[in-house]
């Protein structure tokens, strides 16, 4: 499945292609080529686009070079849905910060916000004044597409759980 073409404000046309829950690719003329793959035989989690949050079953390559990807387990808090990547000596983190979107940081500095509607479109809003690099965009789009964005706050999840338990 190829998602809707993305017109990034800094890097122009970007394409996200997904092969079921097994493989996701991000490409564009001005960004590095990213491939994220779920290993064969790994159990598929249908609510995660790439099929797993287990780092032992994921391989991330950026322009052919292996990068370290570590999604958290995804439990109750928004922070538990963070995804960390280390590439070229730089640490990236995508972490939900509102219901629809997630914040991308590079070495701890907030550089942009991503939102993904689940099936079609990924949108990046780059933080004004940030010096955005091509790898920032490639990694951000890949993580947002593969793991989704946003999350409910813990208090909202608790209210939902209590209300569904009441007769």
Protein backbone atom coordinates (compact mmCIF):
# COMPACT_ATOMS: atom_id res chain seq x y z
CA UNK A 1 0.00 0.00 0.00
CA UNK A 2 1.34 3.42 -0.91
CA UNK A 3 0.06 6.19 1.32
CA UNK A 4 -1.00 9.57 -0.02
CA UNK A 5 2.03 11.53 -1.31
CA UNK A 6 3.39 13.91 1.27
CA UNK A 7 4.48 17.44 0.41
CA UNK A 8 6.89 18.31 3.21
CA UNK A 9 7.52 22.03 3.73
CA UNK A 10 11.32 21.51 3.86
CA UNK A 11 11.97 18.46 1.68
CA UNK A 12 9.22 18.37 -0.95
CA UNK A 13 7.72 15.10 -2.12
CA UNK A 14 7.94 12.12 0.22
CA UNK A 15 6.42 8.68 -0.33
CA UNK A 16 5.56 6.09 2.30
CA UNK A 17 5.04 2.50 1.09
CA UNK A 18 3.89 -0.31 3.32
CA UNK A 19 3.88 -4.05 2.61
CA UNK A 20 1.32 -5.35 5.09
CA UNK A 21 2.77 -5.54 8.59
CA UNK A 22 6.16 -6.70 7.30
CA UNK A 23 7.90 -3.73 5.69
CA UNK A 24 7.66 0.06 5.52
CA UNK A 25 9.69 2.34 3.23
CA UNK A 26 10.06 6.11 3.22
CA UNK A 27 11.67 7.81 0.24
CA UNK A 28 12.03 11.18 -1.40
CA UNK A 29 14.50 13.08 -3.57
CA UNK A 30 15.82 15.18 -0.68
CA UNK A 31 15.84 12.62 2.17
CA UNK A 32 17.64 9.35 2.92
CA UNK A 33 15.84 6.13 2.01
CA UNK A 34 14.44 4.39 5.11
CA UNK A 35 13.40 0.73 5.38
CA UNK A 36 11.83 -0.67 8.54
CA UNK A 37 11.17 -4.42 8.57
CA UNK A 38 9.50 -6.82 10.96
CA UNK A 39 11.35 -10.10 11.17
CA UNK A 40 9.81 -13.27 9.77
CA UNK A 41 7.99 -15.35 12.33
CA UNK A 42 7.40 -12.42 14.68
CA UNK A 43 3.84 -12.33 15.99
CA UNK A 44 1.72 -9.61 14.37
CA UNK A 45 0.11 -6.93 16.52
CA UNK A 46 -2.64 -5.63 14.21
CA UNK A 47 -2.94 -2.25 15.97
CA UNK A 48 0.67 -1.40 15.05
CA UNK A 49 1.27 -0.70 11.35
CA UNK A 50 4.64 -2.49 11.29
CA UNK A 51 3.13 -5.36 13.30
CA UNK A 52 5.26 -5.28 16.46
CA UNK A 53 6.76 -3.03 19.12
CA UNK A 54 9.38 -5.66 20.03
CA UNK A 55 12.81 -4.27 19.06
CA UNK A 56 14.19 -7.81 18.76
CA UNK A 57 11.95 -8.30 15.71
CA UNK A 58 12.66 -4.96 13.97
CA UNK A 59 15.40 -3.90 11.57
CA UNK A 60 15.83 -0.24 10.59
CA UNK A 61 18.10 0.83 7.74
CA UNK A 62 18.75 4.40 6.65
CA UNK A 63 20.43 4.65 3.24
CA UNK A 64 21.50 1.03 3.81
CA UNK A 65 23.14 1.67 7.20
CA UNK A 66 21.65 -0.11 10.18
CA UNK A 67 20.14 2.10 12.89
CA UNK A 68 19.06 1.13 16.40
CA UNK A 69 15.26 1.30 16.88
CA UNK A 70 13.69 0.79 20.33
CA UNK A 71 9.93 1.18 20.63
CA UNK A 72 8.66 1.13 24.21
CA UNK A 73 6.05 -1.49 25.09
CA UNK A 74 3.04 0.83 24.85
CA UNK A 75 1.04 0.43 28.03
CA UNK A 76 -0.98 3.06 29.93
CA UNK A 77 0.92 6.34 29.71
CA UNK A 78 1.62 8.32 26.56
CA UNK A 79 5.34 8.08 27.28
CA UNK A 80 5.11 4.28 27.15
CA UNK A 81 4.40 4.64 23.41
CA UNK A 82 7.68 6.43 22.68
CA UNK A 83 10.02 5.16 19.98
CA UNK A 84 13.76 5.81 20.19
CA UNK A 85 16.21 5.66 17.30
CA UNK A 86 19.95 6.12 17.32
CA UNK A 87 21.53 6.90 13.95
CA UNK A 88 24.87 8.49 13.10
CA UNK A 89 25.53 9.40 16.74
CA UNK A 90 22.20 11.24 17.00
CA UNK A 91 19.34 10.20 19.28
CA UNK A 92 15.78 10.62 18.06
CA UNK A 93 12.57 10.15 20.02
CA UNK A 94 8.98 10.20 18.82
CA UNK A 95 6.60 10.43 21.78
CA UNK A 96 2.88 11.19 21.93
CA UNK A 97 2.16 14.62 23.41
CA UNK A 98 -1.55 15.05 22.60
CA UNK A 99 -4.45 12.93 21.41
CA UNK A 100 -3.65 13.31 17.68
CA UNK A 101 0.08 14.02 17.53
CA UNK A 102 3.57 13.09 18.66
CA UNK A 103 6.66 15.21 19.27
CA UNK A 104 9.94 14.41 17.49
CA UNK A 105 13.13 15.28 19.35
CA UNK A 106 16.74 15.17 18.18
CA UNK A 107 19.24 14.83 21.02
CA UNK A 108 16.51 15.97 23.41
CA UNK A 109 15.52 19.10 21.46
CA UNK A 110 11.96 19.35 20.12
CA UNK A 111 12.22 19.78 16.33
CA UNK A 112 8.75 18.94 15.06
CA UNK A 113 5.33 17.38 15.52
CA UNK A 114 3.87 14.50 13.53
CA UNK A 115 0.31 13.32 13.12
CA UNK A 116 -0.85 10.25 11.26
CA UNK A 117 -4.50 9.47 10.61
CA UNK A 118 -3.78 5.75 10.62
CA UNK A 119 -4.11 4.80 6.97
CA UNK A 120 -3.47 7.58 4.53
CA UNK A 121 -1.72 10.77 5.56
CA UNK A 122 1.26 11.70 7.72
CA UNK A 123 1.76 15.39 8.45
CA UNK A 124 4.88 17.03 9.88
CA UNK A 125 4.91 20.49 11.41
CA UNK A 126 8.51 21.58 11.86
CA UNK A 127 9.30 23.76 14.85
CA UNK A 128 10.12 27.27 13.73
CA UNK A 129 13.80 28.09 14.07
CA UNK A 130 14.89 24.44 14.09
CA UNK A 131 17.59 23.38 11.67
CA UNK A 132 15.87 20.39 10.14
CA UNK A 133 18.13 17.79 8.52
CA UNK A 134 17.06 15.30 5.82
CA UNK A 135 17.52 12.38 8.26
CA UNK A 136 15.16 14.10 10.72
CA UNK A 137 12.36 14.00 8.15
CA UNK A 138 13.08 10.47 6.97
CA UNK A 139 13.14 9.07 10.51
CA UNK A 140 10.14 11.10 11.67
CA UNK A 141 7.92 10.00 8.77
CA UNK A 142 9.00 6.37 9.17
CA UNK A 143 8.29 6.27 12.91
CA UNK A 144 4.96 8.10 12.64
CA UNK A 145 3.85 5.75 9.84
CA UNK A 146 5.05 2.54 11.51
CA UNK A 147 3.97 3.18 15.10
CA UNK A 148 1.28 5.85 14.82
CA UNK A 149 1.01 9.15 16.64
CA UNK A 150 -0.82 10.61 19.59
CA UNK A 151 -2.42 9.01 22.57
CA UNK A 152 -5.01 9.61 25.24
CA UNK A 153 -3.84 10.88 28.61
CA UNK A 154 -3.90 8.37 31.45
CA UNK A 155 -6.80 10.10 33.21
CA UNK A 156 -8.96 9.84 30.08
CA UNK A 157 -8.18 6.12 29.72
CA UNK A 158 -9.12 5.57 33.38
CA UNK A 159 -12.43 7.41 32.93
CA UNK A 160 -13.17 5.26 29.85
CA UNK A 161 -12.33 2.06 31.77
CA UNK A 162 -14.52 3.01 34.75
CA UNK A 163 -17.45 4.11 32.57
CA UNK A 164 -17.35 0.90 30.54
CA UNK A 165 -17.32 -1.18 33.73
CA UNK A 166 -20.44 0.51 35.12
CA UNK A 167 -23.85 -0.99 34.31
